[in-house]
Every structure is written in C-alpha cells, then in structure tokens.
Amino acid sequence: MDRAARRRRGSPEEGTDDAGMDTTTAAAKLGKLGGIARRKNLTAEKRREIAQKAAAARWEKKDVE
C-alpha cells in the first residue's frame, strides 16, 4: 500500500497524535505557531535583513562545471 493510501485510511504506520490527526499535520501546525511567535519577536528591520539575505542566497550564481 502506498503512502497516500495509508494516509487516507489512517494507518497507524504513519502515526497519529491524540486528536487523531496525522503527525505531519500536527508538526505543520506547531511549526506555524513557532513562525508566528518568531515574527512577533523580530523587528521589521531584522525581518527585512533576513529576507534580503535569503533572496541573495537564492539569486547567487553557482559555478556549474
């Protein structure tokens, strides 16, 4: 049985939390809460610096040989 089928059936192989949601969904919800808390603790200037650094890393030219 493939992963998608196990997820649809709620197979214990995928794991569930106490509320019955799969562990991937539970982790995503926790991650979102962490991101919101981090945003509240960062100044607008610091968020901008982080975003600029990320954009520069994405656009940086890579040596392809």
N, C-alpha and C. Protein backbone atom coordinates (compact mmCIF):
# COMPACT_ATOMS: atom_id res chain seq x y z
N MET A 1 0.86 -1.18 0.00
CA MET A 1 0.00 0.00 0.00
C MET A 1 0.90 1.24 0.00
N ASP A 2 0.58 2.21 -0.85
CA ASP A 2 1.40 3.40 -0.93
C ASP A 2 1.09 4.37 0.21
N ARG A 3 1.93 5.38 0.36
CA ARG A 3 1.79 6.33 1.48
C ARG A 3 0.45 7.06 1.47
N ALA A 4 0.02 7.48 0.27
CA ALA A 4 -1.23 8.23 0.19
C ALA A 4 -2.41 7.36 0.65
N ALA A 5 -2.40 6.10 0.27
CA ALA A 5 -3.47 5.20 0.69
C ALA A 5 -3.46 5.00 2.19
N ARG A 6 -2.28 4.86 2.77
CA ARG A 6 -2.18 4.72 4.23
C ARG A 6 -2.71 5.96 4.92
N ARG A 7 -2.39 7.13 4.36
CA ARG A 7 -2.87 8.37 4.96
C ARG A 7 -4.39 8.46 4.91
N ARG A 8 -4.97 8.07 3.77
CA ARG A 8 -6.42 8.10 3.64
C ARG A 8 -7.09 7.14 4.62
N ARG A 9 -6.48 6.00 4.84
CA ARG A 9 -7.06 5.00 5.73
C ARG A 9 -6.73 5.28 7.18
N GLY A 10 -5.80 6.18 7.47
CA GLY A 10 -5.43 6.47 8.85
C GLY A 10 -4.62 5.35 9.46
N SER A 11 -3.76 4.76 8.66
CA SER A 11 -2.95 3.64 9.11
C SER A 11 -2.05 4.05 10.27
N PRO A 12 -1.89 3.21 11.27
CA PRO A 12 -1.01 3.53 12.39
C PRO A 12 0.46 3.60 11.98
N GLU A 13 0.79 3.10 10.79
CA GLU A 13 2.16 3.19 10.30
C GLU A 13 2.60 4.64 10.15
N GLU A 14 1.69 5.49 9.76
CA GLU A 14 2.00 6.91 9.58
C GLU A 14 2.07 7.63 10.91
N GLY A 15 1.39 7.14 11.93
CA GLY A 15 1.39 7.77 13.23
C GLY A 15 0.30 8.81 13.36
N THR A 16 -0.31 8.85 14.52
CA THR A 16 -1.32 9.86 14.78
C THR A 16 -1.10 10.43 16.17
N ASP A 17 -1.57 11.65 16.38
CA ASP A 17 -1.48 12.22 17.71
C ASP A 17 -2.77 11.91 18.46
N ASP A 18 -2.93 12.41 19.67
CA ASP A 18 -4.11 12.12 20.48
C ASP A 18 -5.41 12.64 19.86
N ALA A 19 -5.34 13.71 19.08
CA ALA A 19 -6.54 14.27 18.46
C ALA A 19 -6.93 13.52 17.20
N GLY A 20 -6.13 12.52 16.80
CA GLY A 20 -6.44 11.73 15.62
C GLY A 20 -5.90 12.28 14.32
N MET A 21 -5.15 13.39 14.34
CA MET A 21 -4.59 13.91 13.10
C MET A 21 -3.22 13.27 12.88
N ASP A 22 -2.82 13.17 11.62
CA ASP A 22 -1.52 12.54 11.35
C ASP A 22 -0.39 13.43 11.87
N THR A 23 0.75 12.83 12.07
CA THR A 23 1.87 13.55 12.68
C THR A 23 2.37 14.67 11.79
N THR A 24 2.23 14.53 10.47
CA THR A 24 2.66 15.59 9.56
C THR A 24 1.82 16.84 9.77
N THR A 25 0.52 16.67 9.90
CA THR A 25 -0.38 17.80 10.11
C THR A 25 -0.10 18.45 11.46
N ALA A 26 0.10 17.63 12.48
CA ALA A 26 0.39 18.16 13.82
C ALA A 26 1.69 18.96 13.80
N ALA A 27 2.72 18.46 13.12
CA ALA A 27 4.00 19.16 13.05
C ALA A 27 3.85 20.47 12.29
N ALA A 28 3.05 20.48 11.23
CA ALA A 28 2.84 21.70 10.46
C ALA A 28 2.16 22.77 11.31
N LYS A 29 1.19 22.36 12.11
CA LYS A 29 0.50 23.33 12.98
C LYS A 29 1.46 23.91 14.02
N LEU A 30 2.29 23.06 14.60
CA LEU A 30 3.26 23.55 15.58
C LEU A 30 4.28 24.47 14.93
N GLY A 31 4.71 24.12 13.74
CA GLY A 31 5.67 24.96 13.03
C GLY A 31 5.10 26.33 12.73
N LYS A 32 3.84 26.37 12.37
CA LYS A 32 3.18 27.65 12.08
C LYS A 32 3.14 28.51 13.34
N LEU A 33 2.83 27.90 14.48
CA LEU A 33 2.80 28.66 15.73
C LEU A 33 4.17 29.21 16.06
N GLY A 34 5.20 28.43 15.82
CA GLY A 34 6.56 28.88 16.08
C GLY A 34 6.94 30.05 15.19
N GLY A 35 6.51 29.99 13.93
CA GLY A 35 6.80 31.07 13.00
C GLY A 35 6.12 32.37 13.40
N ILE A 36 4.90 32.25 13.87
CA ILE A 36 4.16 33.43 14.31
C ILE A 36 4.84 34.05 15.54
N ALA A 37 5.25 33.21 16.48
CA ALA A 37 5.92 33.71 17.68
C ALA A 37 7.25 34.37 17.31
N ARG A 38 7.98 33.78 16.38
CA ARG A 38 9.27 34.36 15.97
C ARG A 38 9.05 35.72 15.32
N ARG A 39 8.03 35.83 14.49
CA ARG A 39 7.75 37.09 13.82
C ARG A 39 7.44 38.20 14.82
N LYS A 40 6.70 37.85 15.86
CA LYS A 40 6.36 38.84 16.88
C LYS A 40 7.60 39.35 17.62
N ASN A 41 8.62 38.49 17.73
CA ASN A 41 9.82 38.86 18.48
C ASN A 41 10.86 39.58 17.63
N LEU A 42 10.70 39.58 16.30
CA LEU A 42 11.67 40.24 15.43
C LEU A 42 11.16 41.62 15.03
N THR A 43 12.08 42.55 14.95
CA THR A 43 11.71 43.88 14.46
C THR A 43 11.53 43.82 12.95
N ALA A 44 10.85 44.81 12.41
CA ALA A 44 10.65 44.87 10.96
C ALA A 44 12.00 44.94 10.25
N GLU A 45 12.95 45.67 10.82
CA GLU A 45 14.27 45.78 10.21
C GLU A 45 14.98 44.43 10.18
N LYS A 46 14.89 43.67 11.26
CA LYS A 46 15.56 42.36 11.31
C LYS A 46 14.90 41.39 10.33
N ARG A 47 13.56 41.42 10.23
CA ARG A 47 12.87 40.56 9.26
C ARG A 47 13.30 40.90 7.84
N ARG A 48 13.47 42.19 7.57
CA ARG A 48 13.91 42.63 6.25
C ARG A 48 15.32 42.13 5.96
N GLU A 49 16.22 42.21 6.94
CA GLU A 49 17.59 41.72 6.75
C GLU A 49 17.59 40.22 6.44
N ILE A 50 16.78 39.47 7.16
CA ILE A 50 16.69 38.02 6.94
C ILE A 50 16.17 37.73 5.53
N ALA A 51 15.14 38.47 5.11
CA ALA A 51 14.56 38.27 3.78
C ALA A 51 15.55 38.62 2.68
N GLN A 52 16.30 39.70 2.86
CA GLN A 52 17.29 40.11 1.86
C GLN A 52 18.41 39.08 1.75
N LYS A 53 18.83 38.56 2.88
CA LYS A 53 19.89 37.55 2.88
C LYS A 53 19.40 36.28 2.17
N ALA A 54 18.16 35.89 2.41
CA ALA A 54 17.60 34.70 1.76
C ALA A 54 17.47 34.92 0.25
N ALA A 55 17.02 36.10 -0.15
CA ALA A 55 16.89 36.40 -1.58
C ALA A 55 18.25 36.39 -2.26
N ALA A 56 19.25 36.96 -1.61
CA ALA A 56 20.60 36.97 -2.17
C ALA A 56 21.12 35.55 -2.34
N ALA A 57 20.85 34.69 -1.37
CA ALA A 57 21.30 33.30 -1.47
C ALA A 57 20.61 32.58 -2.63
N ARG A 58 19.34 32.87 -2.85
CA ARG A 58 18.62 32.23 -3.95
C ARG A 58 19.13 32.69 -5.31
N TRP A 59 19.51 33.95 -5.40
CA TRP A 59 19.93 34.50 -6.68
C TRP A 59 21.42 34.39 -6.94
N GLU A 60 22.17 33.95 -5.94
CA GLU A 60 23.62 33.82 -6.09
C GLU A 60 23.94 32.85 -7.21
N LYS A 61 24.86 33.24 -8.06
CA LYS A 61 25.23 32.36 -9.17
C LYS A 61 26.09 31.22 -8.67
N LYS A 62 25.78 30.04 -9.15
CA LYS A 62 26.52 28.86 -8.77
C LYS A 62 27.47 28.50 -9.91
N ASP A 63 28.67 28.03 -9.57
CA ASP A 63 29.60 27.57 -10.58
C ASP A 63 29.15 26.19 -11.05
N VAL A 64 28.91 26.11 -12.34
CA VAL A 64 28.47 24.84 -12.93
C VAL A 64 29.58 24.37 -13.85
N GLU A 65 30.10 23.22 -13.56
CA GLU A 65 31.20 22.69 -14.39
C GLU A 65 30.82 21.39 -15.03
